N, C-alpha and C. Protein backbone atom coordinates (compact mmCIF):
# COMPACT_ATOMS: atom_id res chain seq x y z
N MET A 1 0.96 -1.18 -0.39
CA MET A 1 0.02 0.63 -0.49
C MET A 1 0.82 2.08 -0.05
N THR A 2 0.63 2.42 -1.54
CA THR A 2 1.50 3.62 -1.15
C THR A 2 0.84 4.04 -0.27
N PHE A 3 1.03 4.96 0.93
CA PHE A 3 0.50 6.39 1.31
C PHE A 3 1.61 7.34 1.43
N LYS A 4 0.45 8.22 0.88
CA LYS A 4 1.58 9.56 0.62
C LYS A 4 0.01 10.70 1.75
N PRO A 5 1.00 11.36 3.02
CA PRO A 5 0.40 11.49 3.85
C PRO A 5 -0.24 13.40 3.29
N ASN A 6 -1.46 13.46 4.31
CA ASN A 6 -1.70 14.70 3.39
C ASN A 6 -1.34 16.08 4.79
N GLN A 7 -0.42 17.57 4.28
CA GLN A 7 -0.30 18.02 4.89
C GLN A 7 -0.94 17.35 6.83
N ASN A 8 -2.04 17.60 7.40
CA ASN A 8 -1.57 17.34 8.57
C ASN A 8 -1.44 16.18 9.59
N GLN A 9 -1.80 15.34 8.38
CA GLN A 9 -0.65 13.75 8.41
C GLN A 9 0.66 14.17 8.87
N PHE A 10 0.85 14.36 7.93
CA PHE A 10 2.84 14.85 7.60
C PHE A 10 3.43 15.35 8.96
N ASP A 11 2.54 16.60 9.47
CA ASP A 11 2.44 16.90 10.91
C ASP A 11 2.43 16.16 11.94
N ALA A 12 1.87 15.38 12.16
CA ALA A 12 1.33 13.92 13.17
C ALA A 12 2.50 14.12 12.88
N PHE A 13 2.57 13.25 11.65
CA PHE A 13 4.25 12.41 11.59
C PHE A 13 5.22 12.91 12.24
N GLY A 14 5.45 14.14 13.01
CA GLY A 14 6.76 14.58 12.98
C GLY A 14 8.02 15.02 11.89
N PHE A 15 7.59 14.84 10.79
CA PHE A 15 8.02 15.12 9.18
C PHE A 15 7.90 16.73 8.94
N ARG A 16 6.99 17.19 9.19
CA ARG A 16 7.79 18.87 9.64
C ARG A 16 8.48 19.39 10.15
N GLY A 17 8.73 20.54 9.83
CA GLY A 17 9.59 20.97 10.91
C GLY A 17 10.38 21.91 10.27
N GLN A 18 11.19 23.10 10.66
CA GLN A 18 11.42 23.99 9.99
C GLN A 18 12.96 24.34 8.42
N ASP A 19 13.30 22.56 7.71
CA ASP A 19 13.15 22.50 7.21
C ASP A 19 12.11 23.24 5.01
N THR A 20 10.65 23.05 5.58
CA THR A 20 9.85 22.79 5.65
C THR A 20 9.22 23.43 4.87
N ASP A 21 9.74 24.89 5.67
CA ASP A 21 9.57 26.61 5.70
C ASP A 21 10.63 27.53 5.29
N ARG A 22 11.96 26.72 5.08
CA ARG A 22 12.89 27.71 3.82
C ARG A 22 12.43 26.95 2.38
N PRO A 23 13.12 28.26 1.83
CA PRO A 23 13.07 27.81 0.40
C PRO A 23 13.80 26.36 -0.04
N THR A 24 13.62 25.94 -1.07
CA THR A 24 14.00 25.04 -1.85
C THR A 24 15.01 25.03 -2.38
N GLY A 25 15.62 26.15 -2.64
CA GLY A 25 17.12 26.51 -2.48
C GLY A 25 18.21 25.29 -2.50
N ASP A 26 19.92 24.69 -2.50
CA ASP A 26 20.42 23.68 -2.34
C ASP A 26 20.54 24.74 -0.44
N THR A 27 20.70 24.04 0.87
CA THR A 27 19.97 24.29 2.44
C THR A 27 21.41 23.59 3.24
N ARG A 28 22.20 22.99 2.01
CA ARG A 28 23.07 21.49 2.57
C ARG A 28 23.87 22.20 3.74
N ALA A 29 24.62 23.66 3.66
CA ALA A 29 25.47 24.44 4.33
C ALA A 29 24.52 24.87 6.14
N HIS A 30 23.08 24.56 6.02
CA HIS A 30 22.74 24.69 6.84
C HIS A 30 21.92 23.81 7.81
N GLY A 31 22.68 22.46 6.55
CA GLY A 31 22.91 21.12 7.62
C GLY A 31 21.13 20.17 7.30
N THR A 32 20.06 21.06 6.43
CA THR A 32 18.89 21.07 6.25
C THR A 32 18.92 20.02 4.16
N VAL A 33 17.40 19.49 4.22
CA VAL A 33 17.92 18.96 3.81
C VAL A 33 16.01 19.91 2.31
N PRO A 34 16.53 20.26 0.70
CA PRO A 34 15.74 20.49 0.55
C PRO A 34 14.60 20.35 0.33
N GLN A 35 13.03 21.04 0.03
CA GLN A 35 12.11 20.21 0.41
C GLN A 35 11.20 18.77 -0.61
N SER A 36 11.72 19.56 -2.21
CA SER A 36 12.15 18.53 -3.25
C SER A 36 12.70 16.52 -3.46
N THR A 37 13.77 17.05 -2.09
CA THR A 37 14.93 15.69 -1.75
C THR A 37 13.54 15.06 -1.04
N LEU A 38 13.54 15.84 0.33
CA LEU A 38 12.67 15.03 1.60
C LEU A 38 11.93 13.73 1.15
N GLY A 39 10.45 15.02 0.55
CA GLY A 39 9.44 14.89 -0.56
C GLY A 39 9.83 12.75 -0.89
N ALA A 40 11.42 13.19 -1.92
CA ALA A 40 11.85 12.48 -2.28
C ALA A 40 11.84 10.99 -1.24
N LEU A 41 12.73 11.08 0.04
CA LEU A 41 13.22 10.11 0.46
C LEU A 41 11.85 9.35 1.89
N ILE A 42 10.90 10.79 1.70
CA ILE A 42 9.97 9.86 2.34
C ILE A 42 9.43 8.69 1.83
N ASP A 43 8.98 9.28 0.44
CA ASP A 43 7.79 8.52 -0.41
C ASP A 43 8.77 6.73 0.35
N ASN A 44 10.10 6.81 0.09
CA ASN A 44 10.81 5.49 0.06
C ASN A 44 10.69 4.96 1.60
N VAL A 45 9.99 5.33 2.91
CA VAL A 45 10.28 4.58 4.15
C VAL A 45 8.70 3.90 4.18
N ASP A 46 8.96 2.80 4.66
CA ASP A 46 7.77 1.94 4.58
C ASP A 46 7.37 2.50 6.56
N VAL A 47 5.97 1.94 6.70
CA VAL A 47 5.42 2.19 7.24
C VAL A 47 4.79 1.10 7.77
N THR A 48 4.10 1.27 9.22
CA THR A 48 3.24 -0.15 9.33
C THR A 48 1.82 0.81 9.85
N VAL A 49 0.38 -0.25 9.24
CA VAL A 49 -0.17 0.67 8.01
C VAL A 49 -1.16 -0.87 10.06
N GLU A 50 -2.07 0.25 11.02
CA GLU A 50 -2.99 -0.76 11.60
C GLU A 50 -3.88 -0.98 11.50
N THR A 51 -5.21 -2.06 11.50
CA THR A 51 -6.41 -1.85 11.34
C THR A 51 -7.39 -1.48 12.59
N TYR A 52 -7.11 -0.73 13.41
CA TYR A 52 -8.54 -1.05 14.58
C TYR A 52 -10.31 -1.12 14.24
N ILE A 53 -10.17 -2.34 14.46
CA ILE A 53 -11.51 -3.11 15.02
C ILE A 53 -12.78 -1.78 15.65
N GLY A 54 -12.69 -2.50 16.96
CA GLY A 54 -13.40 -1.82 17.62
C GLY A 54 -11.98 -2.38 19.45
N GLU A 55 -12.98 -2.14 20.16
CA GLU A 55 -13.23 -2.17 21.53
C GLU A 55 -13.79 -2.37 22.32
N THR A 56 -13.85 -2.91 23.49
CA THR A 56 -14.94 -3.47 24.40
C THR A 56 -13.71 -2.69 25.55
N PRO A 57 -14.99 -2.76 27.46
CA PRO A 57 -14.08 -2.68 28.32
C PRO A 57 -14.35 -4.29 29.34
N LEU A 58 -13.30 -4.03 29.59
CA LEU A 58 -12.77 -5.45 30.43
C LEU A 58 -12.52 -5.63 32.12
N SER A 59 -13.44 -6.85 33.04
CA SER A 59 -12.83 -6.18 34.56
C SER A 59 -11.24 -7.16 34.19
N ILE A 60 -10.30 -6.95 35.44
CA ILE A 60 -9.33 -8.47 35.09
C ILE A 60 -9.38 -9.49 35.75
N ALA A 61 -11.29 -9.72 35.98
CA ALA A 61 -11.90 -10.70 36.68
C ALA A 61 -12.11 -11.78 34.92
N ASP A 62 -12.07 -10.52 33.87
CA ASP A 62 -13.36 -11.61 32.41
C ASP A 62 -11.53 -11.61 32.23
N LEU A 63 -10.18 -10.63 31.75
CA LEU A 63 -9.67 -11.15 32.20
C LEU A 63 -8.75 -12.26 31.94
N ASN A 64 -8.26 -12.35 32.83
CA ASN A 64 -8.13 -13.63 34.15
C ASN A 64 -8.91 -14.85 32.94
N ALA A 65 -10.26 -14.78 32.91
CA ALA A 65 -10.96 -15.90 32.87
C ALA A 65 -10.79 -16.38 30.83
N LEU A 66 -9.77 -15.49 30.28
CA LEU A 66 -10.10 -15.74 28.94
C LEU A 66 -9.62 -16.97 29.07
N ARG A 67 -9.48 -18.10 27.84
CA ARG A 67 -8.99 -19.33 27.82
C ARG A 67 -9.30 -19.30 25.70
N PRO A 68 -8.35 -20.22 25.51
CA PRO A 68 -8.38 -20.21 24.26
C PRO A 68 -10.05 -20.98 23.02
N GLY A 69 -10.25 -19.94 23.13
CA GLY A 69 -11.73 -20.14 22.57
C GLY A 69 -12.58 -19.91 23.23
N SER A 70 -11.71 -18.57 24.48
CA SER A 70 -12.64 -18.07 24.61
C SER A 70 -13.34 -16.54 23.21
N VAL A 71 -14.57 -16.02 23.11
CA VAL A 71 -15.12 -14.96 22.90
C VAL A 71 -14.87 -13.32 23.05
N VAL A 72 -14.34 -12.13 23.23
CA VAL A 72 -13.55 -11.42 23.42
C VAL A 72 -14.85 -10.51 22.36
N PRO A 73 -16.71 -10.10 22.99
CA PRO A 73 -17.12 -9.79 22.20
C PRO A 73 -16.96 -8.13 21.68
N LEU A 74 -16.75 -6.94 20.86
CA LEU A 74 -16.11 -5.90 20.45
C LEU A 74 -17.42 -5.20 20.33
N GLU A 75 -17.09 -4.11 20.69
CA GLU A 75 -18.59 -2.91 20.81
C GLU A 75 -18.27 -1.50 18.98
N ALA A 76 -17.90 -3.35 18.02
CA ALA A 76 -18.83 -2.42 16.95
C ALA A 76 -19.23 -3.69 16.80
N SER A 77 -20.43 -3.01 16.34
CA SER A 77 -21.55 -3.71 14.51
C SER A 77 -20.28 -4.10 13.46
N LEU A 78 -20.76 -5.31 12.60
CA LEU A 78 -20.01 -6.12 12.04
C LEU A 78 -20.64 -4.94 10.54
N SER A 79 -20.80 -3.94 9.99
CA SER A 79 -21.29 -3.00 9.47
C SER A 79 -20.64 -1.90 9.50
N ASP A 80 -19.69 -1.53 11.01
CA ASP A 80 -19.18 -0.26 10.82
C ASP A 80 -18.34 -0.02 10.13
N LEU A 81 -17.66 1.35 10.01
CA LEU A 81 -16.07 1.19 9.16
C LEU A 81 -14.96 0.69 10.49
N VAL A 82 -13.67 -0.16 9.60
CA VAL A 82 -12.70 0.37 10.48
C VAL A 82 -12.05 1.83 9.94
N GLU A 83 -10.56 1.60 11.10
CA GLU A 83 -9.55 2.65 10.70
C GLU A 83 -7.99 2.20 10.92
N LEU A 84 -7.91 3.12 9.52
CA LEU A 84 -6.64 2.16 9.11
C LEU A 84 -6.00 3.41 10.37
N ARG A 85 -5.26 3.38 10.57
CA ARG A 85 -3.82 3.73 12.26
C ARG A 85 -2.19 3.92 11.44
N VAL A 86 -1.32 5.17 11.01
CA VAL A 86 -0.35 5.05 11.50
C VAL A 86 0.25 5.52 11.93
N ASN A 87 1.23 5.32 13.34
CA ASN A 87 2.11 5.55 14.56
C ASN A 87 0.83 6.05 15.53
N GLY A 88 -1.13 5.23 15.36
CA GLY A 88 -1.69 5.72 16.00
C GLY A 88 -3.39 7.09 15.36
N VAL A 89 -2.13 7.20 14.16
CA VAL A 89 -3.35 8.41 13.19
C VAL A 89 -4.23 7.69 12.70
N THR A 90 -5.49 7.85 12.52
CA THR A 90 -5.98 7.38 12.28
C THR A 90 -5.83 7.73 10.21
N ILE A 91 -5.39 7.77 9.25
CA ILE A 91 -5.61 7.84 8.10
C ILE A 91 -6.50 7.82 7.38
N ALA A 92 -7.12 6.25 7.55
CA ALA A 92 -8.14 6.39 6.03
C ALA A 92 -9.11 5.52 7.24
N HIS A 93 -10.59 5.10 6.52
CA HIS A 93 -11.65 4.38 6.74
C HIS A 93 -11.74 3.42 6.15
N GLY A 94 -12.22 2.38 6.47
CA GLY A 94 -12.88 1.49 5.16
C GLY A 94 -13.70 0.40 6.31
N GLU A 95 -14.63 -0.50 4.93
CA GLU A 95 -14.96 -2.15 5.65
C GLU A 95 -14.38 -3.09 5.20
N LEU A 96 -14.67 -3.93 5.84
CA LEU A 96 -13.37 -4.88 5.97
C LEU A 96 -14.29 -6.07 4.84
N VAL A 97 -13.25 -6.86 4.40
CA VAL A 97 -13.06 -7.12 2.52
C VAL A 97 -12.43 -8.71 3.44
N ALA A 98 -13.00 -9.85 2.42
CA ALA A 98 -11.89 -11.14 1.89
C ALA A 98 -11.22 -10.70 0.80
N VAL A 99 -9.68 -11.66 1.58
CA VAL A 99 -9.09 -11.12 -0.12
C VAL A 99 -8.05 -12.59 0.01
N GLY A 100 -9.31 -13.24 -0.99
CA GLY A 100 -8.90 -15.28 -1.04
C GLY A 100 -8.94 -15.58 0.74
N ASP A 101 -7.74 -16.30 1.53
CA ASP A 101 -8.33 -16.62 2.89
C ASP A 101 -7.21 -15.75 3.49
N LYS A 102 -8.04 -14.48 2.94
CA LYS A 102 -7.10 -12.68 3.89
C LYS A 102 -8.14 -12.14 4.51
N PHE A 103 -7.62 -11.13 5.37
CA PHE A 103 -8.75 -9.95 5.61
C PHE A 103 -8.49 -8.85 4.92
N GLY A 104 -8.24 -7.31 3.97
CA GLY A 104 -7.96 -6.75 4.16
C GLY A 104 -9.40 -5.04 3.72
N VAL A 105 -9.19 -4.68 3.70
CA VAL A 105 -9.54 -3.29 3.84
C VAL A 105 -9.93 -2.59 2.63
N ARG A 106 -11.36 -3.16 2.51
CA ARG A 106 -12.17 -1.58 1.04
C ARG A 106 -11.96 -0.44 1.88
N ILE A 107 -10.94 0.61 1.36
CA ILE A 107 -11.10 2.06 1.39
C ILE A 107 -12.13 2.58 0.52
N THR A 108 -13.11 3.82 1.58
CA THR A 108 -14.07 4.21 1.72
C THR A 108 -13.96 5.63 2.20
N ALA A 109 -13.39 6.31 2.31
CA ALA A 109 -12.71 7.66 2.87
C ALA A 109 -11.86 7.64 3.57
N ILE A 110 -10.45 9.20 3.17
CA ILE A 110 -9.57 8.98 3.63
C ILE A 110 -9.51 10.29 4.48
N ALA A 111 -8.43 9.83 5.46
CA ALA A 111 -9.25 11.24 6.61
C ALA A 111 -8.71 12.85 6.28
N PRO A 112 -9.76 13.15 6.59
CA PRO A 112 -9.11 15.09 6.75
C PRO A 112 -7.87 15.46 7.11
């Protein structure tokens, strides 16, 4: 999956800094990277995309009672959209789909 962050997501991941506010001329003397080069470098960085389905509160007693075969119901319905996250930041919403014998997410909206 190719991920191109919008400006808000770019800021949330900590990529924005003084470098992006400077002119795109040769700034190597200042120890910074021109914006065009920074974008090209970031395009090649791998990130882990997580899928968030839902949550549920459990007591410690309920946690201690979990065994193989236990089912933990989530506070999400089967028709609810899931979130795709990078570093805890929601980047998109989608619906779970089957891709062969695996799960996938069909993107329905890109986060603002």
